[in-house]
Amino acid sequence: MPILKFILGCLYPLARFALFIARVRHGSSTFEERLGIYRELPMGGPKGPKVWLHAASAGEVNAILPLVKALRSRRPDLHLTITTTSRTGRKMARERSGADRVHLAPLDIPLCLTRAFDSIRPELYLVAETEFWPLCLLEAKRRGVPAILVNGRVSNKSFPTYRMVRFLFREALESFAACLVQAPVDRDRVIELGAKPDRVEVIGQMKYDQSPPDPEKVRAFATQMGIREGDVVFTFGSLRPGEEEPVLEGLGQLFDAQPQARVILAPRHFDNLKYYQGTLEGLSRDRSLDWALRSDLKSTAWRVLVLDTVGDLSSAYALSRAAFVGGTLVPIGGHNVMEPALSSVPVCFGPHHSNVAEAAEALVASGGGHQVDTAQTAMEWMAMQGDPLASRGAGLKARAAVDSLRGATDRTAERVFRFFQTQTQVTP
């Protein structure tokens, strides 16, 4: 680990040079935050115990929002700082978390970490899911700041890589005061990577404890988008490269079966929007169907809407007869298949759902979800849910599947505060 610290420390001058270039080209403070330079006053906000919660991107932020709410309800005076790895995650955290401070996470480089810790001054460091930054964890240990892994998991995709370089992570994972993981397989994996067995506990997934979107927000979205009661809406969420193409090419099949349908497409990332635009232009010419980007909506007469914005997907799901959740027709491991189910919307997904296997199995068993093998079979299933009675019945079963898996957030909050009280002598 000293060798790693030396190597990463040598990268600091390069990072400073990159900051200078970023300022010249973009006038942005983004890279300053990567260097641990945070402009807000360190003592701003509530005067209670200081907690630093780190999550990677928008999906992880969305998953930990119930925990943020639970922590706030127990300690309203909590001073909470959230950091994220991605800018989309930072945007979501600023809009939805209610945290006192939200920043991009510092680079895992000693000087950057020193600045960040000096600014945030945490009494507890919470790490969401798989954000194992070794030097950051060791800096927390050096400062006597307990680190707790919450909603922890190690995916099938990332585990072989972590295992190959576990010599870099072992000391860091040993430093966790507690590892609260989603499933037994995650417990076994974090122990193999270096966590102490007596500090690892299976808690469940917090994403099942999310609340449905605010009805006022859903109504506002519907009004803005021109979605009326009775419209037959189908949403394809979190689409990934490799499944975007067959989904877009299969829309004609869905419109043949449901001629009055309106389709919402939500790419997971926005790098491929030109493909969407080109494909939908062709569909528009062939079928005289209007399409639009959410960010450039000029008319509500669209038949296909592309959500190129962050924060609208849950509202789109709530207005749908049925939903498809992406990252499942390609070997990504799947995204949150329970998000549509929270709004009593039936959901389908592909065979690659290892990251959400428990939820997928519960949905299928309840009759509120359906596994498909191809985009074509997804279109066939979606079309059947165009019938309002079929959609409503399956949607209620989907919501029941969600309810059967709830509770991880309260268990996590209880353990965090139990540990927090022991370590800091704070009484919730």
Protein backbone atom coordinates (compact mmCIF):
# COMPACT_ATOMS: atom_id res chain seq x y z
CA MET A 1 0.00 0.00 0.00
CA PRO A 2 2.86 2.52 0.61
CA ILE A 3 3.96 1.90 -3.00
CA LEU A 4 0.44 2.62 -4.21
CA LYS A 5 0.33 5.84 -2.16
CA PHE A 6 3.67 6.92 -3.64
CA ILE A 7 2.55 6.22 -7.21
CA LEU A 8 -0.76 8.02 -6.80
CA GLY A 9 0.92 10.89 -5.00
CA CYS A 10 3.14 11.42 -8.02
CA LEU A 11 0.00 11.89 -10.12
CA TYR A 12 -1.01 15.00 -8.17
CA PRO A 13 1.01 17.49 -10.27
CA LEU A 14 -0.59 16.02 -13.40
CA ALA A 15 -4.01 16.46 -11.85
CA ARG A 16 -3.25 20.11 -11.07
CA PHE A 17 -2.18 20.66 -14.69
CA ALA A 18 -5.42 19.03 -15.89
CA LEU A 19 -7.32 21.46 -13.65
CA PHE A 20 -5.58 24.41 -15.30
CA ILE A 21 -6.52 23.10 -18.76
CA ALA A 22 -10.12 22.49 -17.66
CA ARG A 23 -10.40 26.05 -16.36
CA VAL A 24 -9.06 27.50 -19.60
CA ARG A 25 -11.27 25.38 -21.84
CA HIS A 26 -14.49 25.09 -19.88
CA GLY A 27 -14.39 27.56 -17.00
CA SER A 28 -15.68 24.72 -14.83
CA SER A 29 -15.05 23.96 -11.16
CA THR A 30 -15.71 20.25 -11.73
CA PHE A 31 -12.09 19.21 -11.60
CA GLU A 32 -11.47 21.39 -8.54
CA GLU A 33 -13.82 19.10 -6.66
CA ARG A 34 -11.85 16.10 -7.91
CA LEU A 35 -8.85 17.70 -6.22
CA GLY A 36 -10.79 17.99 -2.97
CA ILE A 37 -11.22 21.76 -3.34
CA TYR A 38 -14.73 22.45 -2.05
CA ARG A 39 -15.90 26.06 -2.04
CA GLU A 40 -18.71 25.83 0.55
CA LEU A 41 -17.78 26.82 4.07
CA PRO A 42 -16.91 23.68 6.06
CA MET A 43 -19.12 24.73 9.02
CA GLY A 44 -22.23 25.62 7.03
CA GLY A 45 -25.52 23.84 7.76
CA PRO A 46 -26.67 21.94 10.87
CA LYS A 47 -24.34 21.67 13.85
CA GLY A 48 -24.98 17.99 14.59
CA PRO A 49 -22.73 15.01 13.88
CA LYS A 50 -21.03 15.11 10.49
CA VAL A 51 -21.57 12.19 8.14
CA TRP A 52 -19.96 11.74 4.73
CA LEU A 53 -21.94 9.46 2.40
CA HIS A 54 -20.37 8.45 -0.92
CA ALA A 55 -22.24 6.94 -3.87
CA ALA A 56 -21.06 6.42 -7.44
CA SER A 57 -23.72 7.66 -9.85
CA ALA A 58 -27.42 8.40 -10.27
CA GLY A 59 -28.49 4.78 -9.74
CA GLU A 60 -26.59 4.46 -6.47
CA VAL A 61 -27.81 7.88 -5.29
CA ASN A 62 -31.38 6.84 -6.00
CA ALA A 63 -30.86 3.63 -4.02
CA ILE A 64 -29.56 5.41 -0.90
CA LEU A 65 -32.23 8.14 -0.77
CA PRO A 66 -34.36 6.05 1.65
CA LEU A 67 -31.35 5.80 3.96
CA VAL A 68 -30.83 9.57 3.84
CA LYS A 69 -34.46 10.03 4.84
CA ALA A 70 -34.13 7.49 7.67
CA LEU A 71 -30.95 9.14 9.01
CA ARG A 72 -32.59 12.58 8.91
CA SER A 73 -35.68 11.32 10.73
CA ARG A 74 -33.52 9.98 13.56
CA ARG A 75 -31.16 12.94 13.70
CA PRO A 76 -32.64 16.10 12.15
CA ASP A 77 -29.48 17.99 13.16
CA LEU A 78 -27.26 15.62 11.14
CA HIS A 79 -24.76 17.47 8.94
CA LEU A 80 -24.70 15.34 5.78
CA THR A 81 -22.23 15.60 2.93
CA ILE A 82 -22.79 13.45 -0.16
CA THR A 83 -20.10 12.87 -2.77
CA THR A 84 -20.54 11.12 -6.10
CA THR A 85 -18.26 9.86 -8.82
CA SER A 86 -20.41 11.12 -11.69
CA ARG A 87 -21.90 14.53 -12.48
CA THR A 88 -25.33 12.98 -13.09
CA GLY A 89 -25.16 11.51 -9.60
CA ARG A 90 -24.18 14.90 -8.18
CA LYS A 91 -27.10 16.55 -9.98
CA MET A 92 -29.57 14.01 -8.61
CA ALA A 93 -28.17 14.29 -5.09
CA ARG A 94 -28.45 18.09 -5.18
CA GLU A 95 -32.03 17.92 -6.42
CA ARG A 96 -33.41 15.09 -4.31
CA SER A 97 -31.30 14.22 -1.26
CA GLY A 98 -31.64 17.29 0.95
CA ALA A 99 -27.96 16.92 1.88
CA ASP A 100 -26.19 19.95 3.34
CA ARG A 101 -23.34 19.65 0.85
CA VAL A 102 -23.01 17.71 -2.41
CA HIS A 103 -19.74 17.42 -4.32
CA LEU A 104 -17.88 15.22 -6.73
CA ALA A 105 -15.65 12.80 -4.84
CA PRO A 106 -11.94 13.58 -4.59
CA LEU A 107 -9.48 11.56 -6.62
CA ASP A 108 -8.00 8.67 -4.64
CA ILE A 109 -4.73 10.58 -4.31
CA PRO A 110 -3.26 11.54 -0.91
CA LEU A 111 -3.26 15.34 -1.27
CA CYS A 112 -6.76 15.38 -2.74
CA LEU A 113 -8.04 13.21 0.09
CA THR A 114 -6.36 15.40 2.71
CA ARG A 115 -8.15 18.47 1.37
CA ALA A 116 -11.51 16.69 1.24
CA PHE A 117 -11.28 15.25 4.76
CA ASP A 118 -10.10 18.61 6.16
CA SER A 119 -13.11 20.32 4.55
CA ILE A 120 -15.81 17.76 5.40
CA ARG A 121 -14.38 16.66 8.76
CA PRO A 122 -16.59 13.56 8.97
CA GLU A 123 -17.28 11.65 12.15
CA LEU A 124 -18.62 8.74 10.12
CA TYR A 125 -17.90 7.71 6.51
CA LEU A 126 -20.57 5.69 4.69
CA VAL A 127 -19.72 3.99 1.39
CA ALA A 128 -22.54 2.82 -0.90
CA GLU A 129 -22.44 -0.45 -2.85
CA THR A 130 -19.00 -1.06 -4.43
CA GLU A 131 -17.06 2.19 -4.03
CA PHE A 132 -13.88 0.64 -2.62
CA TRP A 133 -11.38 3.51 -2.95
CA PRO A 134 -8.43 2.10 -0.98
CA LEU A 135 -6.55 5.28 -0.06
CA CYS A 136 -9.75 7.04 0.96
CA LEU A 137 -10.65 4.17 3.29
CA LEU A 138 -7.15 4.17 4.74
CA GLU A 139 -7.26 7.94 5.27
CA ALA A 140 -10.50 7.50 7.19
CA LYS A 141 -8.82 4.83 9.31
CA ARG A 142 -5.78 7.07 9.90
CA ARG A 143 -8.06 9.84 11.16
CA GLY A 144 -10.07 7.51 13.36
CA VAL A 145 -13.22 7.90 11.25
CA PRO A 146 -15.28 4.68 11.20
CA ALA A 147 -16.15 3.52 7.67
CA ILE A 148 -19.30 1.49 7.01
CA LEU A 149 -20.26 -0.17 3.74
CA VAL A 150 -24.01 0.25 3.16
CA ASN A 151 -26.13 -1.53 0.57
CA GLY A 152 -22.91 -3.33 -0.31
CA ARG A 153 -22.56 -5.60 -3.28
CA VAL A 154 -19.92 -7.07 -5.58
CA SER A 155 -21.35 -7.87 -9.01
CA ASN A 156 -20.59 -10.93 -11.11
CA LYS A 157 -18.89 -8.63 -13.61
CA SER A 158 -16.59 -6.80 -11.18
CA PHE A 159 -15.71 -9.65 -8.81
CA PRO A 160 -13.10 -11.37 -11.03
CA THR A 161 -11.28 -8.05 -11.49
CA TYR A 162 -11.34 -7.25 -7.78
CA ARG A 163 -10.10 -10.74 -7.00
CA MET A 164 -7.13 -10.37 -9.37
CA VAL A 165 -6.00 -7.17 -7.62
CA ARG A 166 -7.23 -7.93 -4.12
CA PHE A 167 -3.73 -7.25 -2.75
CA LEU A 168 -4.54 -3.58 -3.42
CA PHE A 169 -7.85 -3.74 -1.56
CA ARG A 170 -7.29 -6.16 1.32
CA GLU A 171 -5.97 -3.64 3.83
CA ALA A 172 -8.65 -1.13 2.86
CA LEU A 173 -11.50 -3.63 3.19
CA GLU A 174 -10.09 -4.81 6.52
CA SER A 175 -10.52 -1.22 7.73
CA PHE A 176 -14.32 -1.27 7.36
CA ALA A 177 -15.92 -1.11 10.78
CA ALA A 178 -18.98 -2.84 9.30
CA CYS A 179 -20.05 -4.19 5.91
CA LEU A 180 -23.83 -4.25 5.46
CA VAL A 181 -24.39 -6.16 2.22
CA GLN A 182 -27.34 -7.04 0.03
CA ALA A 183 -27.13 -10.83 -0.28
CA PRO A 184 -25.21 -13.90 0.94
CA VAL A 185 -23.12 -13.96 -2.25
CA ASP A 186 -21.99 -10.38 -1.55
CA ARG A 187 -21.02 -11.39 2.00
CA ASP A 188 -18.84 -14.21 0.69
CA ARG A 189 -17.21 -11.97 -1.90
CA VAL A 190 -16.29 -9.05 0.36
CA ILE A 191 -14.83 -11.50 2.87
CA GLU A 192 -12.73 -13.10 0.13
CA LEU A 193 -11.53 -9.65 -0.90
CA GLY A 194 -10.39 -8.82 2.61
CA ALA A 195 -13.25 -7.75 4.89
CA LYS A 196 -13.25 -9.26 8.37
CA PRO A 197 -15.97 -11.95 8.59
CA ASP A 198 -17.28 -10.81 11.97
CA ARG A 199 -17.95 -7.35 10.55
CA VAL A 200 -20.03 -8.48 7.55
CA GLU A 201 -23.82 -8.81 7.75
CA VAL A 202 -26.50 -9.49 5.13
CA ILE A 203 -29.12 -6.73 5.36
CA GLY A 204 -30.94 -6.74 1.99
CA GLN A 205 -31.34 -4.10 -0.72
CA MET A 206 -32.38 -0.58 0.22
CA LYS A 207 -33.68 0.22 -3.24
CA TYR A 208 -36.79 -1.82 -2.40
CA ASP A 209 -37.61 0.77 0.28
CA GLN A 210 -37.90 3.66 -2.14
CA SER A 211 -41.18 5.53 -2.25
CA PRO A 212 -43.24 5.91 -5.41
CA PRO A 213 -42.73 9.27 -7.13
CA ASP A 214 -44.60 12.23 -5.68
CA PRO A 215 -48.08 12.34 -7.28
CA GLU A 216 -47.75 16.10 -7.82
CA LYS A 217 -44.51 15.54 -9.68
CA VAL A 218 -46.13 12.83 -11.81
CA ARG A 219 -49.07 15.09 -12.64
CA ALA A 220 -46.74 17.96 -13.54
CA PHE A 221 -44.73 15.67 -15.82
CA ALA A 222 -47.91 14.40 -17.47
CA THR A 223 -49.10 17.95 -18.09
CA GLN A 224 -45.77 19.08 -19.51
CA MET A 225 -45.58 16.05 -21.79
CA GLY A 226 -49.24 16.18 -22.85
CA ILE A 227 -50.03 12.73 -21.44
CA ARG A 228 -53.76 12.39 -20.79
CA GLU A 229 -55.66 9.97 -18.61
CA GLY A 230 -56.38 6.87 -20.66
CA ASP A 231 -53.33 7.24 -22.92
CA VAL A 232 -51.63 3.92 -23.62
CA VAL A 233 -48.03 4.65 -22.59
CA PHE A 234 -45.15 2.18 -22.62
CA THR A 235 -41.77 3.08 -21.12
CA PHE A 236 -38.40 1.50 -21.91
CA GLY A 237 -36.02 2.59 -19.14
CA SER A 238 -32.25 2.52 -18.58
CA LEU A 239 -31.50 1.28 -22.11
CA ARG A 240 -27.91 0.30 -22.81
CA PRO A 241 -25.91 0.04 -26.06
CA GLY A 242 -26.56 -3.34 -27.59
CA GLU A 243 -30.23 -3.29 -26.60
CA GLU A 244 -31.06 0.20 -27.83
CA GLU A 245 -30.85 -0.94 -31.45
CA PRO A 246 -33.25 -3.91 -31.25
CA VAL A 247 -35.68 -1.93 -29.05
CA LEU A 248 -35.84 1.02 -31.44
CA GLU A 249 -36.06 -1.24 -34.46
CA GLY A 250 -38.87 -3.21 -32.80
CA LEU A 251 -41.10 -0.21 -32.10
CA GLY A 252 -42.95 -0.79 -35.37
CA GLN A 253 -44.08 -4.16 -34.03
CA LEU A 254 -45.47 -2.50 -30.89
CA PHE A 255 -47.31 0.16 -32.88
CA ASP A 256 -48.81 -2.54 -35.12
CA ALA A 257 -50.27 -4.22 -32.04
CA GLN A 258 -51.21 -0.99 -30.25
CA PRO A 259 -51.81 1.69 -32.91
CA GLN A 260 -52.62 4.40 -30.35
CA ALA A 261 -49.60 3.72 -28.16
CA ARG A 262 -47.18 6.39 -26.95
CA VAL A 263 -43.64 5.24 -26.18
CA ILE A 264 -41.09 6.77 -23.82
CA LEU A 265 -37.45 5.79 -24.31
CA ALA A 266 -34.93 6.49 -21.53
CA PRO A 267 -31.27 5.77 -22.34
CA ARG A 268 -29.09 5.03 -19.33
CA HIS A 269 -26.48 7.43 -20.69
CA PHE A 270 -26.80 10.13 -23.32
CA ASP A 271 -23.78 9.35 -25.51
CA ASN A 272 -25.88 7.65 -28.18
CA LEU A 273 -28.56 10.29 -28.79
CA LYS A 274 -27.58 10.72 -32.44
CA TYR A 275 -28.51 7.09 -33.05
CA TYR A 276 -31.91 7.68 -31.45
CA GLN A 277 -32.46 10.75 -33.59
CA GLY A 278 -31.50 9.01 -36.84
CA THR A 279 -33.57 5.91 -36.15
CA LEU A 280 -36.63 7.85 -35.06
CA GLU A 281 -36.42 10.10 -38.10
CA GLY A 282 -36.71 6.95 -40.21
CA LEU A 283 -39.64 5.69 -38.15
CA SER A 284 -41.32 9.08 -38.48
CA ARG A 285 -41.03 9.00 -42.26
CA ASP A 286 -42.29 5.41 -42.53
CA ARG A 287 -45.23 5.71 -40.15
CA SER A 288 -45.93 9.46 -39.91
CA LEU A 289 -45.24 9.37 -36.18
CA ASP A 290 -43.93 12.45 -34.40
CA TRP A 291 -41.06 12.06 -31.95
CA ALA A 292 -39.34 14.48 -29.58
CA LEU A 293 -36.49 14.95 -27.14
CA ARG A 294 -37.57 15.79 -23.60
CA SER A 295 -35.00 18.60 -23.51
CA ASP A 296 -36.30 20.15 -26.73
CA LEU A 297 -40.05 19.57 -26.56
CA LYS A 298 -41.87 21.84 -29.02
CA SER A 299 -45.15 19.91 -29.25
CA THR A 300 -47.01 17.42 -27.08
CA ALA A 301 -48.26 15.53 -30.14
CA TRP A 302 -45.34 13.11 -29.96
CA ARG A 303 -45.79 9.36 -30.25
CA VAL A 304 -42.20 8.61 -29.19
CA LEU A 305 -40.43 10.65 -26.50
CA VAL A 306 -36.74 10.33 -25.65
CA LEU A 307 -35.91 11.19 -22.04
CA ASP A 308 -32.55 12.90 -22.38
CA THR A 309 -32.89 14.36 -18.88
CA VAL A 310 -32.23 13.11 -15.35
CA GLY A 311 -35.01 12.66 -12.80
CA ASP A 312 -38.06 11.98 -14.99
CA LEU A 313 -37.92 8.21 -15.36
CA SER A 314 -39.92 7.35 -12.24
CA SER A 315 -42.72 9.67 -13.38
CA ALA A 316 -42.68 8.08 -16.83
CA TYR A 317 -42.97 4.63 -15.29
CA ALA A 318 -45.87 5.75 -13.11
CA LEU A 319 -47.85 6.86 -16.19
CA SER A 320 -47.27 3.62 -18.10
CA ARG A 321 -49.36 0.55 -18.80
CA ALA A 322 -46.16 -1.51 -18.71
CA ALA A 323 -42.39 -0.99 -18.55
CA PHE A 324 -39.22 -2.63 -19.78
CA VAL A 325 -36.07 -2.18 -17.68
CA GLY A 326 -32.77 -2.21 -19.52
CA GLY A 327 -29.30 -3.50 -18.88
CA THR A 328 -30.94 -6.93 -19.11
CA LEU A 329 -30.80 -7.84 -22.82
CA VAL A 330 -27.03 -7.34 -22.69
CA PRO A 331 -24.65 -8.75 -20.03
CA ILE A 332 -24.73 -5.66 -17.79
CA GLY A 333 -26.52 -7.31 -14.89
CA GLY A 334 -29.73 -5.28 -14.94
CA HIS A 335 -31.01 -2.03 -13.48
CA ASN A 336 -33.75 -1.39 -10.94
CA VAL A 337 -36.61 -3.65 -12.03
CA MET A 338 -38.57 -2.63 -8.93
CA GLU A 339 -38.82 1.05 -9.88
CA PRO A 340 -41.88 0.60 -12.14
CA ALA A 341 -43.36 -1.89 -9.68
CA LEU A 342 -43.35 0.77 -6.95
CA SER A 343 -46.03 2.54 -8.98
CA SER A 344 -47.98 -0.70 -9.52
CA VAL A 345 -46.79 -0.99 -13.12
CA PRO A 346 -46.03 -4.47 -14.55
CA VAL A 347 -42.45 -4.86 -15.72
CA CYS A 348 -40.48 -7.05 -18.09
CA PHE A 349 -36.74 -7.53 -18.41
CA GLY A 350 -34.20 -9.65 -20.22
CA PRO A 351 -32.21 -12.66 -18.99
CA HIS A 352 -29.16 -10.70 -17.76
CA HIS A 353 -30.40 -9.61 -14.34
CA SER A 354 -27.77 -10.95 -11.94
CA ASN A 355 -27.51 -7.58 -10.15
CA VAL A 356 -31.24 -7.65 -9.37
CA ALA A 357 -31.84 -11.40 -9.30
CA GLU A 358 -33.83 -11.42 -6.05
CA ALA A 359 -36.18 -8.71 -7.33
CA ALA A 360 -36.55 -10.33 -10.75
CA GLU A 361 -37.42 -13.68 -9.20
CA ALA A 362 -39.97 -12.08 -6.85
CA LEU A 363 -41.63 -10.22 -9.73
CA VAL A 364 -41.90 -13.32 -11.90
CA ALA A 365 -43.18 -15.42 -9.00
CA SER A 366 -45.84 -12.82 -8.18
CA GLY A 367 -47.09 -12.53 -11.76
CA GLY A 368 -46.20 -8.85 -11.82
CA GLY A 369 -43.08 -9.34 -13.92
CA HIS A 370 -42.03 -11.26 -16.98
CA GLN A 371 -38.65 -12.32 -18.32
CA VAL A 372 -38.11 -12.02 -22.07
CA ASP A 373 -35.27 -13.22 -24.24
CA THR A 374 -35.34 -10.64 -27.02
CA ALA A 375 -36.66 -7.17 -27.81
CA GLN A 376 -39.25 -8.85 -30.04
CA THR A 377 -40.72 -10.87 -27.16
CA ALA A 378 -40.61 -7.74 -25.00
CA MET A 379 -42.77 -5.94 -27.57
CA GLU A 380 -45.24 -8.84 -27.60
CA TRP A 381 -45.57 -8.84 -23.82
CA MET A 382 -45.84 -5.04 -23.63
CA ALA A 383 -48.59 -5.04 -26.23
CA MET A 384 -50.64 -7.47 -24.12
CA GLN A 385 -50.47 -5.05 -21.20
CA GLY A 386 -52.21 -2.43 -23.31
CA ASP A 387 -55.45 -3.88 -21.97
CA PRO A 388 -56.19 -1.76 -18.85
CA LEU A 389 -57.59 -4.67 -16.81
CA ALA A 390 -54.57 -6.88 -17.55
CA SER A 391 -52.18 -4.04 -16.77
CA ARG A 392 -53.88 -3.15 -13.50
CA GLY A 393 -53.99 -6.74 -12.27
CA ALA A 394 -50.35 -7.40 -13.07
CA GLY A 395 -49.36 -4.04 -11.61
CA LEU A 396 -50.91 -4.83 -8.24
CA LYS A 397 -48.98 -8.11 -8.18
CA ALA A 398 -45.77 -6.22 -9.02
CA ARG A 399 -46.32 -3.87 -6.09
CA ALA A 400 -46.92 -6.83 -3.79
CA ALA A 401 -43.54 -8.22 -4.86
CA VAL A 402 -41.88 -4.94 -3.84
CA ASP A 403 -43.58 -4.96 -0.45
CA SER A 404 -42.35 -8.48 0.24
CA LEU A 405 -38.72 -7.31 0.04
CA ARG A 406 -38.87 -4.09 2.03
CA GLY A 407 -37.13 -3.33 5.34
CA ALA A 408 -33.40 -3.09 4.56
CA THR A 409 -33.28 0.68 5.11
CA ASP A 410 -34.55 0.50 8.69
CA ARG A 411 -32.17 -2.36 9.44
CA THR A 412 -29.27 -0.36 7.97
CA ALA A 413 -30.15 2.84 9.84
CA GLU A 414 -30.48 0.95 13.12
CA ARG A 415 -27.03 -0.58 12.73
CA VAL A 416 -25.44 2.67 11.58
CA PHE A 417 -26.75 4.56 14.59
CA ARG A 418 -25.93 1.74 16.98
CA PHE A 419 -22.36 1.89 15.74
CA PHE A 420 -22.39 5.67 15.59
CA GLN A 421 -23.48 5.89 19.23
CA THR A 422 -20.73 3.50 20.28
CA GLN A 423 -18.02 5.31 18.36
CA THR A 424 -18.99 8.96 18.93
CA GLN A 425 -21.07 8.85 22.14
CA VAL A 426 -24.00 10.43 20.27
CA THR A 427 -27.48 9.38 21.39
CA PRO A 428 -30.08 9.20 18.60
